């Protein structure tokens, strides 16, 4: 059942019919993404502009990920997401965008060659996790932090198998890491072993190296 074929006003008029819209998003997502092979989900800000340091870093990182044989999945929007899709496309890899309908009307970027549109954040989140061999977290805001901490929580609670979570940009993430170490761990809300759930790096090659080493050990 394709989302585009559903009558939006019909669905919105009755909560019961909302289930069909949710189901349609899952069906479309599972159908398309199950065919892309190994993939890495890349997250980052929708406000960091082209030409800036972190935009270039995201593009280079996605390029190296695609060269290593992984599809690149992003949120499909502008800025860091655009950079990642651009890098994947430049490397002739699979460039995928999972766009979300929000009040500010996020427009999909032109580098996402496979594009899915979502109304529900939770459906979209399932796709990011289900088909990813790793999460790469570029500098970003609340949405990026949401994806980061959700992945760490799912790993911590063993709702999903452990997989690489890599934060890129040590200077950007330094304050957050220090807060976790000096406040969150100190208060006993997490322990030191939880810090081993993720890595913090500065270069695209480090990102790819961590992913490769993780799956080499598993084999």
C-alpha atoms as a PDB file:
ATOM      1  CA  UNK A   1       0.000   0.000   0.000  1.00  0.00           C
ATOM      2  CA  UNK A   2       1.718   3.191  -1.168  1.00  0.00           C
ATOM      3  CA  UNK A   3       1.525   6.277   1.017  1.00  0.00           C
ATOM      4  CA  UNK A   4       1.075   8.543  -1.973  1.00  0.00           C
ATOM      5  CA  UNK A   5      -2.104   6.672  -2.914  1.00  0.00           C
ATOM      6  CA  UNK A   6      -3.774   7.258   0.461  1.00  0.00           C
ATOM      7  CA  UNK A   7      -6.216  10.093   0.932  1.00  0.00           C
ATOM      8  CA  UNK A   8      -4.633  12.318   3.601  1.00  0.00           C
ATOM      9  CA  UNK A   9      -7.883  13.979   4.671  1.00  0.00           C
ATOM     10  CA  UNK A  10      -9.513  10.568   4.991  1.00  0.00           C
ATOM     11  CA  UNK A  11      -6.724   9.321   7.245  1.00  0.00           C
ATOM     12  CA  UNK A  12      -6.596  12.438   9.384  1.00  0.00           C
ATOM     13  CA  UNK A  13     -10.336  12.365   9.961  1.00  0.00           C
ATOM     14  CA  UNK A  14     -10.347   9.172  11.982  1.00  0.00           C
ATOM     15  CA  UNK A  15      -7.671   7.960  14.400  1.00  0.00           C
ATOM     16  CA  UNK A  16      -8.405   4.366  13.493  1.00  0.00           C
ATOM     17  CA  UNK A  17      -7.374   4.958   9.897  1.00  0.00           C
ATOM     18  CA  UNK A  18      -4.087   6.474  11.025  1.00  0.00           C
ATOM     19  CA  UNK A  19      -2.867   2.906  11.456  1.00  0.00           C
ATOM     20  CA  UNK A  20      -2.978   2.427   7.685  1.00  0.00           C
ATOM     21  CA  UNK A  21      -0.794   5.444   7.097  1.00  0.00           C
ATOM     22  CA  UNK A  22       1.717   4.155   9.659  1.00  0.00           C
ATOM     23  CA  UNK A  23       1.608   0.724   8.056  1.00  0.00           C
ATOM     24  CA  UNK A  24       2.167   2.230   4.609  1.00  0.00           C
ATOM     25  CA  UNK A  25       5.305   4.021   5.800  1.00  0.00           C
ATOM     26  CA  UNK A  26       6.699   0.803   7.249  1.00  0.00           C
ATOM     27  CA  UNK A  27       5.821  -1.234   4.162  1.00  0.00           C
ATOM     28  CA  UNK A  28       7.418   1.246   1.760  1.00  0.00           C
ATOM     29  CA  UNK A  29      10.499   1.570   3.944  1.00  0.00           C
ATOM     30  CA  UNK A  30      11.011  -2.153   4.398  1.00  0.00           C
ATOM     31  CA  UNK A  31      10.406  -2.840   0.717  1.00  0.00           C
ATOM     32  CA  UNK A  32      12.947  -0.308  -0.565  1.00  0.00           C
ATOM     33  CA  UNK A  33      15.658  -0.360   2.091  1.00  0.00           C
ATOM     34  CA  UNK A  34      15.824  -4.153   2.355  1.00  0.00           C
ATOM     35  CA  UNK A  35      17.368  -4.100  -1.129  1.00  0.00           C
ATOM     36  CA  UNK A  36      20.194  -1.608  -0.561  1.00  0.00           C
ATOM     37  CA  UNK A  37      22.625  -3.933   1.215  1.00  0.00           C
ATOM     38  CA  UNK A  38      24.999  -2.851   3.974  1.00  0.00           C
ATOM     39  CA  UNK A  39      24.455   0.788   4.894  1.00  0.00           C
ATOM     40  CA  UNK A  40      25.636   3.462   7.300  1.00  0.00           C
ATOM     41  CA  UNK A  41      23.275   6.120   8.676  1.00  0.00           C
ATOM     42  CA  UNK A  42      24.808   9.602   8.814  1.00  0.00           C
ATOM     43  CA  UNK A  43      23.221  12.303  10.979  1.00  0.00           C
ATOM     44  CA  UNK A  44      23.892  16.009  11.262  1.00  0.00           C
ATOM     45  CA  UNK A  45      22.564  19.531  11.346  1.00  0.00           C
ATOM     46  CA  UNK A  46      20.063  21.000   8.897  1.00  0.00           C
ATOM     47  CA  UNK A  47      21.569  24.424   9.636  1.00  0.00           C
ATOM     48  CA  UNK A  48      25.292  24.067   8.910  1.00  0.00           C
ATOM     49  CA  UNK A  49      25.715  25.673   5.513  1.00  0.00           C
ATOM     50  CA  UNK A  50      27.553  24.446   2.396  1.00  0.00           C
ATOM     51  CA  UNK A  51      31.204  25.406   2.231  1.00  0.00           C
ATOM     52  CA  UNK A  52      31.735  25.325   5.989  1.00  0.00           C
ATOM     53  CA  UNK A  53      34.206  23.070   7.801  1.00  0.00           C
ATOM     54  CA  UNK A  54      31.677  20.522   8.983  1.00  0.00           C
ATOM     55  CA  UNK A  55      29.840  20.438   5.659  1.00  0.00           C
ATOM     56  CA  UNK A  56      33.085  19.502   3.917  1.00  0.00           C
ATOM     57  CA  UNK A  57      33.887  16.982   6.636  1.00  0.00           C
ATOM     58  CA  UNK A  58      30.485  15.311   6.221  1.00  0.00           C
ATOM     59  CA  UNK A  59      30.946  15.125   2.458  1.00  0.00           C
ATOM     60  CA  UNK A  60      34.413  13.595   2.797  1.00  0.00           C
ATOM     61  CA  UNK A  61      33.245  11.150   5.443  1.00  0.00           C
ATOM     62  CA  UNK A  62      30.336   9.908   3.348  1.00  0.00           C
ATOM     63  CA  UNK A  63      32.638   9.624   0.344  1.00  0.00           C
ATOM     64  CA  UNK A  64      34.970   7.308   2.277  1.00  0.00           C
ATOM     65  CA  UNK A  65      32.051   5.297   3.651  1.00  0.00           C
ATOM     66  CA  UNK A  66      30.668   4.757   0.152  1.00  0.00           C
ATOM     67  CA  UNK A  67      34.127   3.861  -1.179  1.00  0.00           C
ATOM     68  CA  UNK A  68      34.293   1.202   1.535  1.00  0.00           C
ATOM     69  CA  UNK A  69      31.188  -0.409   0.025  1.00  0.00           C
ATOM     70  CA  UNK A  70      28.401   0.945   2.226  1.00  0.00           C
ATOM     71  CA  UNK A  71      25.253   2.732   1.173  1.00  0.00           C
ATOM     72  CA  UNK A  72      24.793   6.083   2.904  1.00  0.00           C
ATOM     73  CA  UNK A  73      21.461   6.882   4.566  1.00  0.00           C
ATOM     74  CA  UNK A  74      20.649  10.410   5.728  1.00  0.00           C
ATOM     75  CA  UNK A  75      17.606  12.391   6.767  1.00  0.00           C
ATOM     76  CA  UNK A  76      17.356  13.558   3.168  1.00  0.00           C
ATOM     77  CA  UNK A  77      17.358  17.263   3.991  1.00  0.00           C
ATOM     78  CA  UNK A  78      19.793  20.159   3.528  1.00  0.00           C
ATOM     79  CA  UNK A  79      23.213  21.057   4.953  1.00  0.00           C
ATOM     80  CA  UNK A  80      24.999  18.116   6.648  1.00  0.00           C
ATOM     81  CA  UNK A  81      22.491  15.652   5.210  1.00  0.00           C
ATOM     82  CA  UNK A  82      23.019  17.106   1.755  1.00  0.00           C
ATOM     83  CA  UNK A  83      26.780  16.913   2.200  1.00  0.00           C
ATOM     84  CA  UNK A  84      26.624  13.231   3.114  1.00  0.00           C
ATOM     85  CA  UNK A  85      24.388  12.362   0.172  1.00  0.00           C
ATOM     86  CA  UNK A  86      26.669  14.400  -2.076  1.00  0.00           C
ATOM     87  CA  UNK A  87      29.751  12.532  -0.884  1.00  0.00           C
ATOM     88  CA  UNK A  88      28.102   9.151  -1.384  1.00  0.00           C
ATOM     89  CA  UNK A  89      26.969  10.063  -4.886  1.00  0.00           C
ATOM     90  CA  UNK A  90      30.422  11.391  -5.757  1.00  0.00           C
ATOM     91  CA  UNK A  91      31.890   8.030  -4.733  1.00  0.00           C
ATOM     92  CA  UNK A  92      29.291   6.309  -6.942  1.00  0.00           C
ATOM     93  CA  UNK A  93      27.731   4.665  -3.904  1.00  0.00           C
ATOM     94  CA  UNK A  94      24.067   4.358  -2.994  1.00  0.00           C
ATOM     95  CA  UNK A  95      22.806   7.699  -1.695  1.00  0.00           C
ATOM     96  CA  UNK A  96      19.575   7.435   0.296  1.00  0.00           C
ATOM     97  CA  UNK A  97      17.437  10.103   1.954  1.00  0.00           C
ATOM     98  CA  UNK A  98      14.641   9.565   4.479  1.00  0.00           C
ATOM     99  CA  UNK A  99      12.861  12.896   4.347  1.00  0.00           C
ATOM    100  CA  UNK A 100      10.433  14.012   7.061  1.00  0.00           C
ATOM    101  CA  UNK A 101       7.334  16.182   6.780  1.00  0.00           C
ATOM    102  CA  UNK A 102       7.658  18.990   9.344  1.00  0.00           C
ATOM    103  CA  UNK A 103       6.072  22.462   9.688  1.00  0.00           C
ATOM    104  CA  UNK A 104       9.182  24.147   8.242  1.00  0.00           C
ATOM    105  CA  UNK A 105       8.730  21.928   5.153  1.00  0.00           C
ATOM    106  CA  UNK A 106      12.112  20.282   4.882  1.00  0.00           C
ATOM    107  CA  UNK A 107      12.887  19.898   1.192  1.00  0.00           C
ATOM    108  CA  UNK A 108      14.869  16.851   0.089  1.00  0.00           C
ATOM    109  CA  UNK A 109      18.332  17.530  -1.257  1.00  0.00           C
ATOM    110  CA  UNK A 110      19.187  16.795  -4.875  1.00  0.00           C
ATOM    111  CA  UNK A 111      21.891  14.244  -4.065  1.00  0.00           C
ATOM    112  CA  UNK A 112      19.606  11.644  -2.506  1.00  0.00           C
ATOM    113  CA  UNK A 113      19.037   9.235  -5.379  1.00  0.00           C
ATOM    114  CA  UNK A 114      16.743   6.959  -3.388  1.00  0.00           C
ATOM    115  CA  UNK A 115      14.207   9.049  -1.493  1.00  0.00           C
ATOM    116  CA  UNK A 116      11.454   8.104   0.944  1.00  0.00           C
ATOM    117  CA  UNK A 117       9.086  10.569   2.586  1.00  0.00           C
ATOM    118  CA  UNK A 118       7.835  10.066   6.147  1.00  0.00           C
ATOM    119  CA  UNK A 119       5.131  11.744   8.186  1.00  0.00           C
ATOM    120  CA  UNK A 120       5.929   9.926  11.422  1.00  0.00           C
ATOM    121  CA  UNK A 121       9.291  10.331  13.106  1.00  0.00           C
ATOM    122  CA  UNK A 122       9.102   6.935  14.769  1.00  0.00           C
ATOM    123  CA  UNK A 123       8.656   5.117  11.435  1.00  0.00           C
ATOM    124  CA  UNK A 124      11.638   6.981  10.038  1.00  0.00           C
ATOM    125  CA  UNK A 125      13.736   6.167  13.090  1.00  0.00           C
ATOM    126  CA  UNK A 126      13.094   2.464  12.677  1.00  0.00           C
ATOM    127  CA  UNK A 127      14.498   2.654   9.140  1.00  0.00           C
ATOM    128  CA  UNK A 128      17.658   4.430  10.283  1.00  0.00           C
ATOM    129  CA  UNK A 129      18.387   1.712  12.838  1.00  0.00           C
ATOM    130  CA  UNK A 130      17.119  -1.403  11.085  1.00  0.00           C
ATOM    131  CA  UNK A 131      19.248  -1.054   7.968  1.00  0.00           C
ATOM    132  CA  UNK A 132      22.398   0.514   9.432  1.00  0.00           C
ATOM    133  CA  UNK A 133      25.674  -1.235  10.129  1.00  0.00           C
ATOM    134  CA  UNK A 134      26.833   1.906  11.935  1.00  0.00           C
ATOM    135  CA  UNK A 135      25.714   5.377  12.994  1.00  0.00           C
ATOM    136  CA  UNK A 136      27.949   8.311  12.112  1.00  0.00           C
ATOM    137  CA  UNK A 137      27.053  11.427  14.089  1.00  0.00           C
ATOM    138  CA  UNK A 138      28.200  14.719  12.619  1.00  0.00           C
ATOM    139  CA  UNK A 139      27.738  18.044  14.464  1.00  0.00           C
ATOM    140  CA  UNK A 140      24.055  18.830  14.882  1.00  0.00           C
ATOM    141  CA  UNK A 141      21.240  19.970  17.147  1.00  0.00           C
ATOM    142  CA  UNK A 142      18.327  18.385  18.970  1.00  0.00           C
ATOM    143  CA  UNK A 143      17.421  15.991  16.156  1.00  0.00           C
ATOM    144  CA  UNK A 144      20.992  14.736  15.866  1.00  0.00           C
ATOM    145  CA  UNK A 145      21.291  14.365  19.637  1.00  0.00           C
ATOM    146  CA  UNK A 146      18.006  12.458  19.651  1.00  0.00           C
ATOM    147  CA  UNK A 147      19.351   9.924  17.148  1.00  0.00           C
ATOM    148  CA  UNK A 148      22.646   9.647  19.047  1.00  0.00           C
ATOM    149  CA  UNK A 149      21.123   8.966  22.448  1.00  0.00           C
ATOM    150  CA  UNK A 150      18.422   6.701  21.098  1.00  0.00           C
ATOM    151  CA  UNK A 151      21.070   4.487  19.495  1.00  0.00           C
ATOM    152  CA  UNK A 152      23.127   4.413  22.718  1.00  0.00           C
ATOM    153  CA  UNK A 153      20.021   3.584  24.749  1.00  0.00           C
ATOM    154  CA  UNK A 154      18.990   0.766  22.405  1.00  0.00           C
ATOM    155  CA  UNK A 155      22.478  -0.725  22.635  1.00  0.00           C
ATOM    156  CA  UNK A 156      22.663  -0.257  26.414  1.00  0.00           C
ATOM    157  CA  UNK A 157      19.307  -1.963  26.962  1.00  0.00           C
ATOM    158  CA  UNK A 158      20.160  -4.693  24.418  1.00  0.00           C
ATOM    159  CA  UNK A 159      17.154  -3.918  22.257  1.00  0.00           C
ATOM    160  CA  UNK A 160      19.495  -4.050  19.281  1.00  0.00           C
ATOM    161  CA  UNK A 161      22.867  -5.703  18.714  1.00  0.00           C
ATOM    162  CA  UNK A 162      25.879  -3.526  19.386  1.00  0.00           C
ATOM    163  CA  UNK A 163      27.175  -1.675  16.347  1.00  0.00           C
ATOM    164  CA  UNK A 164      29.613   1.227  15.809  1.00  0.00           C
ATOM    165  CA  UNK A 165      28.423   4.685  16.868  1.00  0.00           C
ATOM    166  CA  UNK A 166      30.971   7.263  15.767  1.00  0.00           C
ATOM    167  CA  UNK A 167      30.879  10.955  16.634  1.00  0.00           C
ATOM    168  CA  UNK A 168      32.857  13.111  14.206  1.00  0.00           C
ATOM    169  CA  UNK A 169      34.430  16.393  15.324  1.00  0.00           C
ATOM    170  CA  UNK A 170      36.199  16.182  18.693  1.00  0.00           C
ATOM    171  CA  UNK A 171      36.048  19.926  19.293  1.00  0.00           C
ATOM    172  CA  UNK A 172      32.284  19.990  18.726  1.00  0.00           C
ATOM    173  CA  UNK A 173      31.518  17.038  20.994  1.00  0.00           C
ATOM    174  CA  UNK A 174      34.071  17.778  23.740  1.00  0.00           C
ATOM    175  CA  UNK A 175      31.653  19.618  26.038  1.00  0.00           C
ATOM    176  CA  UNK A 176      29.045  16.862  25.837  1.00  0.00           C
ATOM    177  CA  UNK A 177      31.602  14.143  26.598  1.00  0.00           C
ATOM    178  CA  UNK A 178      32.972  16.126  29.541  1.00  0.00           C
ATOM    179  CA  UNK A 179      29.444  16.576  30.916  1.00  0.00           C
ATOM    180  CA  UNK A 180      28.804  12.825  30.686  1.00  0.00           C
ATOM    181  CA  UNK A 181      32.101  12.074  32.423  1.00  0.00           C
ATOM    182  CA  UNK A 182      31.903  14.700  35.175  1.00  0.00           C
ATOM    183  CA  UNK A 183      28.159  14.746  35.873  1.00  0.00           C
ATOM    184  CA  UNK A 184      26.254  11.774  34.460  1.00  0.00           C
ATOM    185  CA  UNK A 185      28.807   9.132  35.459  1.00  0.00           C
ATOM    186  CA  UNK A 186      29.513  10.889  38.776  1.00  0.00           C
ATOM    187  CA  UNK A 187      25.822  10.683  39.682  1.00  0.00           C
ATOM    188  CA  UNK A 188      25.745   6.997  38.759  1.00  0.00           C
ATOM    189  CA  UNK A 189      23.278   7.394  35.903  1.00  0.00           C
ATOM    190  CA  UNK A 190      25.628   5.576  33.536  1.00  0.00           C
ATOM    191  CA  UNK A 191      28.915   3.811  34.161  1.00  0.00           C
ATOM    192  CA  UNK A 192      32.351   3.978  32.577  1.00  0.00           C
ATOM    193  CA  UNK A 193      31.669   0.969  30.379  1.00  0.00           C
ATOM    194  CA  UNK A 194      28.865   2.892  28.672  1.00  0.00           C
ATOM    195  CA  UNK A 195      31.470   5.298  27.283  1.00  0.00           C
ATOM    196  CA  UNK A 196      32.850   2.388  25.286  1.00  0.00           C
ATOM    197  CA  UNK A 197      29.577   2.280  23.331  1.00  0.00           C
ATOM    198  CA  UNK A 198      30.750   5.106  21.074  1.00  0.00           C
ATOM    199  CA  UNK A 199      33.885   6.621  19.537  1.00  0.00           C
ATOM    200  CA  UNK A 200      34.884  10.232  18.944  1.00  0.00           C
ATOM    201  CA  UNK A 201      37.132  10.980  15.963  1.00  0.00           C
ATOM    202  CA  UNK A 202      38.217  13.796  13.672  1.00  0.00           C
ATOM    203  CA  UNK A 203      38.824  12.237  10.257  1.00  0.00           C
ATOM    204  CA  UNK A 204      36.837  10.261   7.667  1.00  0.00           C
ATOM    205  CA  UNK A 205      39.467   7.534   7.536  1.00  0.00           C
ATOM    206  CA  UNK A 206      39.095   6.964  11.295  1.00  0.00           C
ATOM    207  CA  UNK A 207      35.359   6.503  10.806  1.00  0.00           C
ATOM    208  CA  UNK A 208      35.817   3.829   8.155  1.00  0.00           C
ATOM    209  CA  UNK A 209      38.602   2.150  10.139  1.00  0.00           C
ATOM    210  CA  UNK A 210      36.379   1.787  13.217  1.00  0.00           C
ATOM    211  CA  UNK A 211      33.546   0.271  11.176  1.00  0.00           C
ATOM    212  CA  UNK A 212      35.856  -2.150   9.359  1.00  0.00           C
ATOM    213  CA  UNK A 213      37.609  -3.266  12.545  1.00  0.00           C
ATOM    214  CA  UNK A 214      34.319  -3.855  14.320  1.00  0.00           C
ATOM    215  CA  UNK A 215      32.986  -6.219  11.645  1.00  0.00           C
ATOM    216  CA  UNK A 216      36.344  -7.880  11.135  1.00  0.00           C
ATOM    217  CA  UNK A 217      36.362  -8.833  14.829  1.00  0.00           C
ATOM    218  CA  UNK A 218      32.802 -10.109  14.622  1.00  0.00           C
ATOM    219  CA  UNK A 219      33.692 -12.382  11.725  1.00  0.00           C
END
